[in-house]
């Protein structure tokens, strides 16, 4: 059951995972990292999802600044077995991430190591080398959205056969895992739907039921709920140091960088 719920969380987070870039041409020599690494192709929005199959519940995504600021709230309940509802809240900002277990009203605040490391790499890169690095970061960010673990096994069915799926009124590209046990429906680099069949035969679906693109986000959405206890981690914390090592290795591999 723990593995099942963990898989569900990964799928849910796919809607808030960092990815993509706009199609507008960018002068890499003058651009900031915010111009290169844009999680979504629209500036702001609100997306409401519904879970189905062997998982019941909802998820809400609020984002601004093309996804550099995000809030994800979810409620998930297994359809079978112990029907314990898991409630959570993630507040993702350029400098930090807050994750809260809403059942216990406990959480953590830690540096946003991915964004901070990407910014450091970009700022350290000479202007003449940014023309090569910029497109790599854009490609990497889309792979992040679809899932790095699946990048060599996903087939873009839209490119192959023109098939699309309409989700919440948006025409999405369709990606399929080669062995056929997962499909993703993507619009503007945003995952609006997933279909997943686990090795144990459990089916999990997540699909957007409402999409408000370019909607303003109330500032209070980024506030920590009253009564929540937050433990803060710094760059010197062991957990964050280990995360930094992992992300450094990840970026070095996918961006073709020497150690930095």
C-alpha atoms as a PDB file:
ATOM      1  CA  UNK A   1       0.000   0.000   0.000  1.00  0.00           C
ATOM      2  CA  UNK A   2       2.858   2.418   0.789  1.00  0.00           C
ATOM      3  CA  UNK A   3       4.418   1.721  -2.608  1.00  0.00           C
ATOM      4  CA  UNK A   4       1.026   2.237  -4.244  1.00  0.00           C
ATOM      5  CA  UNK A   5       0.515   5.601  -2.535  1.00  0.00           C
ATOM      6  CA  UNK A   6       4.074   6.610  -3.388  1.00  0.00           C
ATOM      7  CA  UNK A   7       3.408   5.915  -7.051  1.00  0.00           C
ATOM      8  CA  UNK A   8       0.226   7.968  -6.837  1.00  0.00           C
ATOM      9  CA  UNK A   9       2.129  10.902  -5.372  1.00  0.00           C
ATOM     10  CA  UNK A  10       4.654  10.767  -8.190  1.00  0.00           C
ATOM     11  CA  UNK A  11       1.878  10.823 -10.755  1.00  0.00           C
ATOM     12  CA  UNK A  12       0.158  13.690  -8.981  1.00  0.00           C
ATOM     13  CA  UNK A  13       3.307  15.674  -8.721  1.00  0.00           C
ATOM     14  CA  UNK A  14       3.815  15.210 -12.445  1.00  0.00           C
ATOM     15  CA  UNK A  15       1.300  18.024 -12.926  1.00  0.00           C
ATOM     16  CA  UNK A  16       3.692  20.333 -10.826  1.00  0.00           C
ATOM     17  CA  UNK A  17       6.990  18.864 -11.915  1.00  0.00           C
ATOM     18  CA  UNK A  18       9.328  21.650 -13.501  1.00  0.00           C
ATOM     19  CA  UNK A  19       9.388  21.613 -17.348  1.00  0.00           C
ATOM     20  CA  UNK A  20       9.177  23.168 -20.723  1.00  0.00           C
ATOM     21  CA  UNK A  21       9.658  26.534 -22.326  1.00  0.00           C
ATOM     22  CA  UNK A  22       7.781  28.857 -24.624  1.00  0.00           C
ATOM     23  CA  UNK A  23       8.213  28.775 -28.405  1.00  0.00           C
ATOM     24  CA  UNK A  24       9.311  32.407 -28.624  1.00  0.00           C
ATOM     25  CA  UNK A  25      12.917  32.759 -29.753  1.00  0.00           C
ATOM     26  CA  UNK A  26      15.288  33.771 -26.993  1.00  0.00           C
ATOM     27  CA  UNK A  27      18.599  35.632 -27.157  1.00  0.00           C
ATOM     28  CA  UNK A  28      20.522  33.221 -24.953  1.00  0.00           C
ATOM     29  CA  UNK A  29      23.465  35.587 -24.561  1.00  0.00           C
ATOM     30  CA  UNK A  30      21.282  38.137 -22.749  1.00  0.00           C
ATOM     31  CA  UNK A  31      18.573  35.966 -21.231  1.00  0.00           C
ATOM     32  CA  UNK A  32      18.064  35.182 -17.559  1.00  0.00           C
ATOM     33  CA  UNK A  33      17.461  31.616 -16.419  1.00  0.00           C
ATOM     34  CA  UNK A  34      13.781  32.547 -15.920  1.00  0.00           C
ATOM     35  CA  UNK A  35      13.600  33.202 -19.680  1.00  0.00           C
ATOM     36  CA  UNK A  36      15.026  29.768 -20.500  1.00  0.00           C
ATOM     37  CA  UNK A  37      13.536  27.474 -17.884  1.00  0.00           C
ATOM     38  CA  UNK A  38       9.770  27.973 -17.912  1.00  0.00           C
ATOM     39  CA  UNK A  39       7.733  25.146 -16.399  1.00  0.00           C
ATOM     40  CA  UNK A  40       4.688  26.126 -18.462  1.00  0.00           C
ATOM     41  CA  UNK A  41       3.996  28.090 -21.635  1.00  0.00           C
ATOM     42  CA  UNK A  42       1.386  30.348 -20.037  1.00  0.00           C
ATOM     43  CA  UNK A  43       2.095  32.905 -17.327  1.00  0.00           C
ATOM     44  CA  UNK A  44      -0.452  31.851 -14.734  1.00  0.00           C
ATOM     45  CA  UNK A  45      -3.360  29.536 -14.217  1.00  0.00           C
ATOM     46  CA  UNK A  46      -5.537  27.344 -12.066  1.00  0.00           C
ATOM     47  CA  UNK A  47      -6.038  23.650 -12.805  1.00  0.00           C
ATOM     48  CA  UNK A  48      -8.355  21.332 -10.895  1.00  0.00           C
ATOM     49  CA  UNK A  49      -7.907  17.576 -11.233  1.00  0.00           C
ATOM     50  CA  UNK A  50      -9.910  14.509 -10.279  1.00  0.00           C
ATOM     51  CA  UNK A  51      -8.468  11.080  -9.504  1.00  0.00           C
ATOM     52  CA  UNK A  52     -10.154   7.883 -10.621  1.00  0.00           C
ATOM     53  CA  UNK A  53      -9.717   4.132 -10.770  1.00  0.00           C
ATOM     54  CA  UNK A  54      -8.052   2.698  -7.686  1.00  0.00           C
ATOM     55  CA  UNK A  55      -7.494   6.170  -6.252  1.00  0.00           C
ATOM     56  CA  UNK A  56     -10.136   8.742  -5.384  1.00  0.00           C
ATOM     57  CA  UNK A  57      -9.668  12.417  -4.681  1.00  0.00           C
ATOM     58  CA  UNK A  58      -8.814  15.807  -6.068  1.00  0.00           C
ATOM     59  CA  UNK A  59      -5.784  17.960  -6.779  1.00  0.00           C
ATOM     60  CA  UNK A  60      -5.515  21.692  -7.380  1.00  0.00           C
ATOM     61  CA  UNK A  61      -2.649  23.523  -9.069  1.00  0.00           C
ATOM     62  CA  UNK A  62      -2.130  27.288  -8.855  1.00  0.00           C
ATOM     63  CA  UNK A  63       0.844  28.800 -10.675  1.00  0.00           C
ATOM     64  CA  UNK A  64       2.331  32.139 -11.697  1.00  0.00           C
ATOM     65  CA  UNK A  65       5.458  33.430 -13.455  1.00  0.00           C
ATOM     66  CA  UNK A  66       5.262  30.543 -15.948  1.00  0.00           C
ATOM     67  CA  UNK A  67       5.445  28.040 -13.116  1.00  0.00           C
ATOM     68  CA  UNK A  68       8.311  29.464 -11.095  1.00  0.00           C
ATOM     69  CA  UNK A  69       5.684  29.918  -8.385  1.00  0.00           C
ATOM     70  CA  UNK A  70       3.355  26.983  -7.731  1.00  0.00           C
ATOM     71  CA  UNK A  71       0.913  25.758  -5.120  1.00  0.00           C
ATOM     72  CA  UNK A  72      -0.344  22.163  -5.180  1.00  0.00           C
ATOM     73  CA  UNK A  73      -3.086  20.917  -2.869  1.00  0.00           C
ATOM     74  CA  UNK A  74      -4.296  17.325  -2.928  1.00  0.00           C
ATOM     75  CA  UNK A  75      -6.620  14.886  -1.203  1.00  0.00           C
ATOM     76  CA  UNK A  76      -6.150  11.194  -2.097  1.00  0.00           C
ATOM     77  CA  UNK A  77      -7.975   8.124  -0.832  1.00  0.00           C
ATOM     78  CA  UNK A  78      -7.364   4.502  -1.918  1.00  0.00           C
ATOM     79  CA  UNK A  79     -10.558   3.082  -3.432  1.00  0.00           C
ATOM     80  CA  UNK A  80      -9.943  -0.248  -1.697  1.00  0.00           C
ATOM     81  CA  UNK A  81      -8.499  -1.430   1.598  1.00  0.00           C
ATOM     82  CA  UNK A  82      -7.776   1.123   4.297  1.00  0.00           C
ATOM     83  CA  UNK A  83      -9.606   4.225   3.121  1.00  0.00           C
ATOM     84  CA  UNK A  84      -7.421   6.812   4.787  1.00  0.00           C
ATOM     85  CA  UNK A  85      -7.455  10.176   3.039  1.00  0.00           C
ATOM     86  CA  UNK A  86      -4.027  11.706   2.578  1.00  0.00           C
ATOM     87  CA  UNK A  87      -4.043  15.518   2.414  1.00  0.00           C
ATOM     88  CA  UNK A  88      -1.023  17.563   1.408  1.00  0.00           C
ATOM     89  CA  UNK A  89       0.099  21.013   0.343  1.00  0.00           C
ATOM     90  CA  UNK A  90       3.225  22.012  -1.584  1.00  0.00           C
ATOM     91  CA  UNK A  91       4.281  25.643  -2.009  1.00  0.00           C
ATOM     92  CA  UNK A  92       7.030  25.942  -4.614  1.00  0.00           C
ATOM     93  CA  UNK A  93       8.874  29.246  -4.962  1.00  0.00           C
ATOM     94  CA  UNK A  94      12.112  30.107  -6.797  1.00  0.00           C
ATOM     95  CA  UNK A  95      14.145  30.077  -3.572  1.00  0.00           C
ATOM     96  CA  UNK A  96      12.361  27.508  -1.417  1.00  0.00           C
ATOM     97  CA  UNK A  97       9.849  24.650  -1.250  1.00  0.00           C
ATOM     98  CA  UNK A  98       7.378  24.083   1.578  1.00  0.00           C
ATOM     99  CA  UNK A  99       5.736  20.659   1.895  1.00  0.00           C
ATOM    100  CA  UNK A 100       2.988  20.134   4.466  1.00  0.00           C
ATOM    101  CA  UNK A 101       1.197  17.013   5.666  1.00  0.00           C
ATOM    102  CA  UNK A 102      -2.236  18.540   6.143  1.00  0.00           C
ATOM    103  CA  UNK A 103      -3.438  15.569   8.190  1.00  0.00           C
ATOM    104  CA  UNK A 104      -0.815  16.268  10.851  1.00  0.00           C
ATOM    105  CA  UNK A 105      -0.379  19.986  10.087  1.00  0.00           C
ATOM    106  CA  UNK A 106       3.377  19.417  10.005  1.00  0.00           C
ATOM    107  CA  UNK A 107       5.813  20.181   7.234  1.00  0.00           C
ATOM    108  CA  UNK A 108       9.222  21.320   6.093  1.00  0.00           C
ATOM    109  CA  UNK A 109      10.786  24.268   4.321  1.00  0.00           C
ATOM    110  CA  UNK A 110      13.933  23.705   2.296  1.00  0.00           C
ATOM    111  CA  UNK A 111      15.900  25.503  -0.429  1.00  0.00           C
ATOM    112  CA  UNK A 112      14.656  24.917  -3.978  1.00  0.00           C
ATOM    113  CA  UNK A 113      17.901  23.227  -4.937  1.00  0.00           C
ATOM    114  CA  UNK A 114      16.922  22.569  -8.551  1.00  0.00           C
ATOM    115  CA  UNK A 115      16.072  26.189  -9.348  1.00  0.00           C
ATOM    116  CA  UNK A 116      18.984  27.588  -7.341  1.00  0.00           C
ATOM    117  CA  UNK A 117      21.468  25.238  -9.017  1.00  0.00           C
ATOM    118  CA  UNK A 118      20.141  25.982 -12.497  1.00  0.00           C
ATOM    119  CA  UNK A 119      20.435  29.705 -11.806  1.00  0.00           C
ATOM    120  CA  UNK A 120      24.007  29.252 -10.564  1.00  0.00           C
ATOM    121  CA  UNK A 121      24.984  27.253 -13.654  1.00  0.00           C
ATOM    122  CA  UNK A 122      23.422  29.792 -15.997  1.00  0.00           C
ATOM    123  CA  UNK A 123      24.978  32.805 -14.278  1.00  0.00           C
ATOM    124  CA  UNK A 124      28.430  31.155 -14.391  1.00  0.00           C
ATOM    125  CA  UNK A 125      28.171  30.300 -18.100  1.00  0.00           C
ATOM    126  CA  UNK A 126      29.945  32.744 -20.464  1.00  0.00           C
ATOM    127  CA  UNK A 127      27.640  34.441 -22.973  1.00  0.00           C
ATOM    128  CA  UNK A 128      29.205  32.675 -25.960  1.00  0.00           C
ATOM    129  CA  UNK A 129      28.525  29.255 -24.400  1.00  0.00           C
ATOM    130  CA  UNK A 130      24.909  29.993 -23.535  1.00  0.00           C
ATOM    131  CA  UNK A 131      23.833  29.442 -27.154  1.00  0.00           C
ATOM    132  CA  UNK A 132      24.698  25.779 -26.671  1.00  0.00           C
ATOM    133  CA  UNK A 133      23.531  25.413 -23.084  1.00  0.00           C
ATOM    134  CA  UNK A 134      20.195  27.221 -23.498  1.00  0.00           C
ATOM    135  CA  UNK A 135      18.556  24.651 -25.820  1.00  0.00           C
ATOM    136  CA  UNK A 136      19.844  21.836 -23.607  1.00  0.00           C
ATOM    137  CA  UNK A 137      18.114  23.345 -20.580  1.00  0.00           C
ATOM    138  CA  UNK A 138      14.899  23.737 -22.570  1.00  0.00           C
ATOM    139  CA  UNK A 139      15.040  20.089 -23.663  1.00  0.00           C
ATOM    140  CA  UNK A 140      15.887  18.934 -20.148  1.00  0.00           C
ATOM    141  CA  UNK A 141      12.952  20.828 -18.680  1.00  0.00           C
ATOM    142  CA  UNK A 142      10.461  19.112 -20.975  1.00  0.00           C
ATOM    143  CA  UNK A 143      11.982  15.736 -20.113  1.00  0.00           C
ATOM    144  CA  UNK A 144      11.484  16.645 -16.447  1.00  0.00           C
ATOM    145  CA  UNK A 145       7.806  17.247 -17.122  1.00  0.00           C
ATOM    146  CA  UNK A 146       7.292  13.896 -18.823  1.00  0.00           C
ATOM    147  CA  UNK A 147       9.524  12.061 -16.356  1.00  0.00           C
ATOM    148  CA  UNK A 148      13.264  11.599 -16.780  1.00  0.00           C
ATOM    149  CA  UNK A 149      12.987   7.896 -16.007  1.00  0.00           C
ATOM    150  CA  UNK A 150      10.712   7.428 -19.022  1.00  0.00           C
ATOM    151  CA  UNK A 151      12.427   9.745 -21.499  1.00  0.00           C
ATOM    152  CA  UNK A 152      13.773   6.935 -23.707  1.00  0.00           C
ATOM    153  CA  UNK A 153      10.548   4.922 -23.571  1.00  0.00           C
ATOM    154  CA  UNK A 154       7.838   7.482 -24.299  1.00  0.00           C
ATOM    155  CA  UNK A 155       6.325   7.715 -27.763  1.00  0.00           C
ATOM    156  CA  UNK A 156       4.682  10.961 -28.908  1.00  0.00           C
ATOM    157  CA  UNK A 157       1.514   9.557 -30.467  1.00  0.00           C
ATOM    158  CA  UNK A 158       0.506  13.025 -31.664  1.00  0.00           C
ATOM    159  CA  UNK A 159       3.654  13.346 -33.766  1.00  0.00           C
ATOM    160  CA  UNK A 160       3.376   9.764 -35.026  1.00  0.00           C
ATOM    161  CA  UNK A 161      -0.297   9.602 -35.954  1.00  0.00           C
ATOM    162  CA  UNK A 162      -1.822  12.998 -35.184  1.00  0.00           C
ATOM    163  CA  UNK A 163      -3.923  11.630 -32.328  1.00  0.00           C
ATOM    164  CA  UNK A 164      -4.918  14.111 -29.640  1.00  0.00           C
ATOM    165  CA  UNK A 165      -7.152  13.991 -26.577  1.00  0.00           C
ATOM    166  CA  UNK A 166      -9.321  16.824 -25.348  1.00  0.00           C
ATOM    167  CA  UNK A 167      -9.072  17.319 -21.589  1.00  0.00           C
ATOM    168  CA  UNK A 168     -11.054  20.094 -19.881  1.00  0.00           C
ATOM    169  CA  UNK A 169     -11.518  21.749 -23.261  1.00  0.00           C
ATOM    170  CA  UNK A 170      -7.801  21.702 -24.138  1.00  0.00           C
ATOM    171  CA  UNK A 171      -6.435  19.654 -27.046  1.00  0.00           C
ATOM    172  CA  UNK A 172      -3.533  17.696 -25.594  1.00  0.00           C
ATOM    173  CA  UNK A 173      -0.584  15.869 -27.082  1.00  0.00           C
ATOM    174  CA  UNK A 174      -0.677  12.176 -26.236  1.00  0.00           C
ATOM    175  CA  UNK A 175       2.423  10.353 -24.970  1.00  0.00           C
ATOM    176  CA  UNK A 176       2.461   6.600 -24.455  1.00  0.00           C
ATOM    177  CA  UNK A 177       4.949   4.393 -22.667  1.00  0.00           C
ATOM    178  CA  UNK A 178       6.301   1.758 -25.055  1.00  0.00           C
ATOM    179  CA  UNK A 179       4.996  -1.165 -23.008  1.00  0.00           C
ATOM    180  CA  UNK A 180       1.587   0.493 -22.943  1.00  0.00           C
ATOM    181  CA  UNK A 181       0.959   0.808 -19.194  1.00  0.00           C
ATOM    182  CA  UNK A 182       0.972   4.621 -19.041  1.00  0.00           C
ATOM    183  CA  UNK A 183      -0.325   7.540 -21.097  1.00  0.00           C
ATOM    184  CA  UNK A 184       0.182  11.265 -20.532  1.00  0.00           C
ATOM    185  CA  UNK A 185      -1.943  14.085 -21.936  1.00  0.00           C
ATOM    186  CA  UNK A 186       0.078  17.290 -22.219  1.00  0.00           C
ATOM    187  CA  UNK A 187      -1.009  20.851 -23.041  1.00  0.00           C
ATOM    188  CA  UNK A 188       1.368  23.824 -23.012  1.00  0.00           C
ATOM    189  CA  UNK A 189       3.968  21.562 -21.330  1.00  0.00           C
ATOM    190  CA  UNK A 190       1.444  20.892 -18.570  1.00  0.00           C
ATOM    191  CA  UNK A 191       0.261  17.375 -17.755  1.00  0.00           C
ATOM    192  CA  UNK A 192      -3.542  17.589 -17.769  1.00  0.00           C
ATOM    193  CA  UNK A 193      -4.127  13.872 -17.522  1.00  0.00           C
ATOM    194  CA  UNK A 194      -2.504  10.520 -16.809  1.00  0.00           C
ATOM    195  CA  UNK A 195      -3.541   6.898 -17.123  1.00  0.00           C
ATOM    196  CA  UNK A 196      -1.403   4.376 -15.260  1.00  0.00           C
ATOM    197  CA  UNK A 197      -1.627   0.608 -14.807  1.00  0.00           C
ATOM    198  CA  UNK A 198       0.614  -0.597 -11.984  1.00  0.00           C
ATOM    199  CA  UNK A 199       2.463  -3.955 -12.087  1.00  0.00           C
ATOM    200  CA  UNK A 200      -0.049  -5.284  -9.545  1.00  0.00           C
ATOM    201  CA  UNK A 201      -2.930  -4.456 -11.877  1.00  0.00           C
ATOM    202  CA  UNK A 202      -4.131  -1.332 -10.095  1.00  0.00           C
ATOM    203  CA  UNK A 203      -5.440   1.426 -12.350  1.00  0.00           C
ATOM    204  CA  UNK A 204      -4.891   5.091 -11.500  1.00  0.00           C
ATOM    205  CA  UNK A 205      -6.173   8.020 -13.531  1.00  0.00           C
ATOM    206  CA  UNK A 206      -5.814  11.745 -13.029  1.00  0.00           C
ATOM    207  CA  UNK A 207      -7.596  14.180 -15.306  1.00  0.00           C
ATOM    208  CA  UNK A 208      -8.118  17.925 -15.265  1.00  0.00           C
ATOM    209  CA  UNK A 209     -11.772  18.894 -14.953  1.00  0.00           C
ATOM    210  CA  UNK A 210     -11.211  22.655 -15.055  1.00  0.00           C
ATOM    211  CA  UNK A 211      -8.436  24.801 -16.537  1.00  0.00           C
ATOM    212  CA  UNK A 212      -8.288  28.578 -16.120  1.00  0.00           C
ATOM    213  CA  UNK A 213      -5.319  29.797 -18.130  1.00  0.00           C
ATOM    214  CA  UNK A 214      -3.753  33.188 -17.364  1.00  0.00           C
ATOM    215  CA  UNK A 215      -5.938  33.499 -14.261  1.00  0.00           C
ATOM    216  CA  UNK A 216      -4.619  35.741 -11.451  1.00  0.00           C
ATOM    217  CA  UNK A 217      -3.499  33.901  -8.324  1.00  0.00           C
ATOM    218  CA  UNK A 218      -4.527  35.389  -4.955  1.00  0.00           C
ATOM    219  CA  UNK A 219      -1.361  36.169  -2.916  1.00  0.00           C
ATOM    220  CA  UNK A 220      -2.743  34.341   0.127  1.00  0.00           C
ATOM    221  CA  UNK A 221      -2.492  31.047  -1.770  1.00  0.00           C
ATOM    222  CA  UNK A 222       1.263  31.154  -1.099  1.00  0.00           C
ATOM    223  CA  UNK A 223       0.806  31.484   2.668  1.00  0.00           C
ATOM    224  CA  UNK A 224       1.430  28.641   5.108  1.00  0.00           C
ATOM    225  CA  UNK A 225      -1.889  27.587   6.708  1.00  0.00           C
ATOM    226  CA  UNK A 226      -2.432  28.855  10.243  1.00  0.00           C
ATOM    227  CA  UNK A 227      -1.512  26.271  12.846  1.00  0.00           C
ATOM    228  CA  UNK A 228       0.975  24.379  10.688  1.00  0.00           C
ATOM    229  CA  UNK A 229       4.356  23.578  12.255  1.00  0.00           C
ATOM    230  CA  UNK A 230       7.228  23.964   9.799  1.00  0.00           C
ATOM    231  CA  UNK A 231      10.738  22.578  10.242  1.00  0.00           C
ATOM    232  CA  UNK A 232      13.283  24.577   8.259  1.00  0.00           C
ATOM    233  CA  UNK A 233      16.304  23.147   6.464  1.00  0.00           C
ATOM    234  CA  UNK A 234      19.230  25.176   5.129  1.00  0.00           C
ATOM    235  CA  UNK A 235      21.899  24.480   2.530  1.00  0.00           C
ATOM    236  CA  UNK A 236      24.046  23.135   5.378  1.00  0.00           C
ATOM    237  CA  UNK A 237      21.464  20.526   6.402  1.00  0.00           C
ATOM    238  CA  UNK A 238      22.470  16.945   5.612  1.00  0.00           C
ATOM    239  CA  UNK A 239      19.226  16.305   3.724  1.00  0.00           C
ATOM    240  CA  UNK A 240      19.740  19.358   1.506  1.00  0.00           C
ATOM    241  CA  UNK A 241      23.441  18.604   0.963  1.00  0.00           C
ATOM    242  CA  UNK A 242      22.531  15.129  -0.273  1.00  0.00           C
ATOM    243  CA  UNK A 243      19.847  16.592  -2.528  1.00  0.00           C
ATOM    244  CA  UNK A 244      22.383  19.070  -3.879  1.00  0.00           C
ATOM    245  CA  UNK A 245      24.796  16.230  -4.733  1.00  0.00           C
ATOM    246  CA  UNK A 246      22.051  14.304  -6.530  1.00  0.00           C
ATOM    247  CA  UNK A 247      20.820  17.319  -8.521  1.00  0.00           C
ATOM    248  CA  UNK A 248      24.370  18.339  -9.441  1.00  0.00           C
ATOM    249  CA  UNK A 249      25.017  14.861 -10.822  1.00  0.00           C
ATOM    250  CA  UNK A 250      21.659  14.879 -12.595  1.00  0.00           C
ATOM    251  CA  UNK A 251      22.281  18.209 -14.303  1.00  0.00           C
ATOM    252  CA  UNK A 252      25.872  17.304 -15.172  1.00  0.00           C
ATOM    253  CA  UNK A 253      24.626  14.154 -16.903  1.00  0.00           C
ATOM    254  CA  UNK A 254      21.649  15.576 -18.790  1.00  0.00           C
ATOM    255  CA  UNK A 255      23.232  18.905 -19.723  1.00  0.00           C
ATOM    256  CA  UNK A 256      26.627  17.425 -20.560  1.00  0.00           C
ATOM    257  CA  UNK A 257      28.473  19.585 -18.044  1.00  0.00           C
ATOM    258  CA  UNK A 258      31.738  19.062 -16.254  1.00  0.00           C
ATOM    259  CA  UNK A 259      31.602  19.194 -12.454  1.00  0.00           C
ATOM    260  CA  UNK A 260      30.733  22.626 -11.118  1.00  0.00           C
END
